[in-house]
Amino acid sequence: MIRPTKVKPLDDYKIWVEFEDGAGGEIDLSELVVKGVFRKWSDREFFEDVKIGPDRAIIWGDGEEIDMCADWAYMEVTGKTLDEIRHQFSHA
């Protein structure tokens, strides 16, 4: 669907994500830090190593460690549902 174009770490386990259609915003990931693989984010240097992977996922480390679906991130930033973004891009 839509590709993220920028991602940067913020304080308090938040990230800023911008997408190719101009949408952008902050995503709060703080509730995940204590869960499973996301505990790796407690190493601040690791958390700050966020980037966009070749398959448009938002990744940490080499992408094998933690990756986040770009579509989920887009829904978080825009407040749209999956059906809404499917409809949006099927008519683009």
C-alpha atoms as a PDB file:
ATOM      1  CA  MET A   1       0.000   0.000   0.000  1.00  0.00           C
ATOM      2  CA  ILE A   2       1.633   3.250   1.089  1.00  0.00           C
ATOM      3  CA  ARG A   3       5.322   3.628   1.744  1.00  0.00           C
ATOM      4  CA  PRO A   4       6.861   5.456   4.687  1.00  0.00           C
ATOM      5  CA  THR A   5       9.451   8.002   3.577  1.00  0.00           C
ATOM      6  CA  LYS A   6      10.878   9.139   6.932  1.00  0.00           C
ATOM      7  CA  VAL A   7      11.064   7.712  10.411  1.00  0.00           C
ATOM      8  CA  LYS A   8      12.847   9.086  13.448  1.00  0.00           C
ATOM      9  CA  PRO A   9      12.951   8.193  17.129  1.00  0.00           C
ATOM     10  CA  LEU A  10      11.487  10.559  19.708  1.00  0.00           C
ATOM     11  CA  ASP A  11      11.583  10.633  23.509  1.00  0.00           C
ATOM     12  CA  ASP A  12       9.477   8.303  25.639  1.00  0.00           C
ATOM     13  CA  TYR A  13       9.474   5.428  23.102  1.00  0.00           C
ATOM     14  CA  LYS A  14       7.693   7.327  20.377  1.00  0.00           C
ATOM     15  CA  ILE A  15       8.540   7.545  16.697  1.00  0.00           C
ATOM     16  CA  TRP A  16       7.670  10.092  14.024  1.00  0.00           C
ATOM     17  CA  VAL A  17       6.686   8.600  10.662  1.00  0.00           C
ATOM     18  CA  GLU A  18       5.972  10.358   7.362  1.00  0.00           C
ATOM     19  CA  PHE A  19       4.418   8.693   4.321  1.00  0.00           C
ATOM     20  CA  GLU A  20       4.608   9.272   0.577  1.00  0.00           C
ATOM     21  CA  ASP A  21       1.143  10.864   0.509  1.00  0.00           C
ATOM     22  CA  GLY A  22       2.247  13.554   2.989  1.00  0.00           C
ATOM     23  CA  ALA A  23       0.574  12.045   6.058  1.00  0.00           C
ATOM     24  CA  GLY A  24       2.778  12.077   9.112  1.00  0.00           C
ATOM     25  CA  GLY A  25       2.582  11.807  12.833  1.00  0.00           C
ATOM     26  CA  GLU A  26       3.760  10.433  16.096  1.00  0.00           C
ATOM     27  CA  ILE A  27       3.234   6.848  17.236  1.00  0.00           C
ATOM     28  CA  ASP A  28       3.521   6.008  20.920  1.00  0.00           C
ATOM     29  CA  LEU A  29       5.168   2.599  21.376  1.00  0.00           C
ATOM     30  CA  SER A  30       5.773   2.904  25.124  1.00  0.00           C
ATOM     31  CA  GLU A  31       3.252   0.217  26.065  1.00  0.00           C
ATOM     32  CA  LEU A  32       5.183  -2.345  24.019  1.00  0.00           C
ATOM     33  CA  VAL A  33       8.603  -1.827  25.657  1.00  0.00           C
ATOM     34  CA  VAL A  34       7.950  -4.383  28.405  1.00  0.00           C
ATOM     35  CA  LYS A  35       6.577  -7.060  26.037  1.00  0.00           C
ATOM     36  CA  GLY A  36       8.533  -9.867  24.384  1.00  0.00           C
ATOM     37  CA  VAL A  37      10.974  -8.869  21.681  1.00  0.00           C
ATOM     38  CA  PHE A  38      10.201  -5.163  22.272  1.00  0.00           C
ATOM     39  CA  ARG A  39      12.234  -5.314  25.497  1.00  0.00           C
ATOM     40  CA  LYS A  40      15.223  -4.695  23.234  1.00  0.00           C
ATOM     41  CA  TRP A  41      14.024  -1.090  23.010  1.00  0.00           C
ATOM     42  CA  SER A  42      15.044  -0.569  26.644  1.00  0.00           C
ATOM     43  CA  ASP A  43      18.523  -0.162  25.117  1.00  0.00           C
ATOM     44  CA  ARG A  44      18.032   3.419  23.930  1.00  0.00           C
ATOM     45  CA  GLU A  45      20.722   3.095  21.266  1.00  0.00           C
ATOM     46  CA  PHE A  46      18.860   0.143  19.753  1.00  0.00           C
ATOM     47  CA  PHE A  47      15.543   2.038  19.822  1.00  0.00           C
ATOM     48  CA  GLU A  48      17.149   5.007  18.061  1.00  0.00           C
ATOM     49  CA  ASP A  49      18.334   2.714  15.250  1.00  0.00           C
ATOM     50  CA  VAL A  50      14.900   2.827  13.606  1.00  0.00           C
ATOM     51  CA  LYS A  51      14.793   2.952   9.822  1.00  0.00           C
ATOM     52  CA  ILE A  52      12.734   1.973   6.795  1.00  0.00           C
ATOM     53  CA  GLY A  53      13.516  -1.473   5.442  1.00  0.00           C
ATOM     54  CA  PRO A  54      13.586  -2.481   1.772  1.00  0.00           C
ATOM     55  CA  ASP A  55      10.116  -4.054   2.015  1.00  0.00           C
ATOM     56  CA  ARG A  56       8.690  -0.752   3.409  1.00  0.00           C
ATOM     57  CA  ALA A  57       8.483  -2.056   6.973  1.00  0.00           C
ATOM     58  CA  ILE A  58       9.741   0.111   9.822  1.00  0.00           C
ATOM     59  CA  ILE A  59      12.641  -1.839  11.309  1.00  0.00           C
ATOM     60  CA  TRP A  60      15.115  -1.871  14.166  1.00  0.00           C
ATOM     61  CA  GLY A  61      18.492  -3.541  13.923  1.00  0.00           C
ATOM     62  CA  ASP A  62      18.760  -5.644  10.791  1.00  0.00           C
ATOM     63  CA  GLY A  63      14.991  -6.025  10.470  1.00  0.00           C
ATOM     64  CA  GLU A  64      15.130  -9.607  11.629  1.00  0.00           C
ATOM     65  CA  GLU A  65      14.930  -8.461  15.239  1.00  0.00           C
ATOM     66  CA  ILE A  66      11.951  -6.085  15.186  1.00  0.00           C
ATOM     67  CA  ASP A  67       9.839  -4.909  12.283  1.00  0.00           C
ATOM     68  CA  MET A  68       6.588  -3.009  12.158  1.00  0.00           C
ATOM     69  CA  CYS A  69       4.036  -3.132   9.374  1.00  0.00           C
ATOM     70  CA  ALA A  70       3.902   0.153   7.454  1.00  0.00           C
ATOM     71  CA  ASP A  71       0.153  -0.240   6.942  1.00  0.00           C
ATOM     72  CA  TRP A  72      -0.400  -0.490  10.701  1.00  0.00           C
ATOM     73  CA  ALA A  73       1.756   2.598  11.233  1.00  0.00           C
ATOM     74  CA  TYR A  74      -0.236   4.474   8.565  1.00  0.00           C
ATOM     75  CA  MET A  75      -3.496   3.575  10.304  1.00  0.00           C
ATOM     76  CA  GLU A  76      -2.057   4.753  13.631  1.00  0.00           C
ATOM     77  CA  VAL A  77      -0.960   8.098  12.150  1.00  0.00           C
ATOM     78  CA  THR A  78      -4.115   8.800  10.129  1.00  0.00           C
ATOM     79  CA  GLY A  79      -6.769   7.128  12.275  1.00  0.00           C
ATOM     80  CA  LYS A  80      -8.077   5.363   9.168  1.00  0.00           C
ATOM     81  CA  THR A  81      -9.238   1.745   9.115  1.00  0.00           C
ATOM     82  CA  LEU A  82      -7.803  -0.921   6.845  1.00  0.00           C
ATOM     83  CA  ASP A  83     -10.958  -0.811   4.710  1.00  0.00           C
ATOM     84  CA  GLU A  84     -10.608   2.960   4.328  1.00  0.00           C
ATOM     85  CA  ILE A  85      -7.003   2.788   3.159  1.00  0.00           C
ATOM     86  CA  ARG A  86      -7.732  -0.125   0.811  1.00  0.00           C
ATOM     87  CA  HIS A  87     -10.521   1.953  -0.737  1.00  0.00           C
ATOM     88  CA  GLN A  88      -8.295   5.054  -0.867  1.00  0.00           C
ATOM     89  CA  PHE A  89      -5.554   3.276  -2.786  1.00  0.00           C
ATOM     90  CA  SER A  90      -7.776   1.206  -5.033  1.00  0.00           C
ATOM     91  CA  HIS A  91      -9.124   4.496  -6.443  1.00  0.00           C
ATOM     92  CA  ALA A  92      -5.817   6.321  -6.665  1.00  0.00           C
END
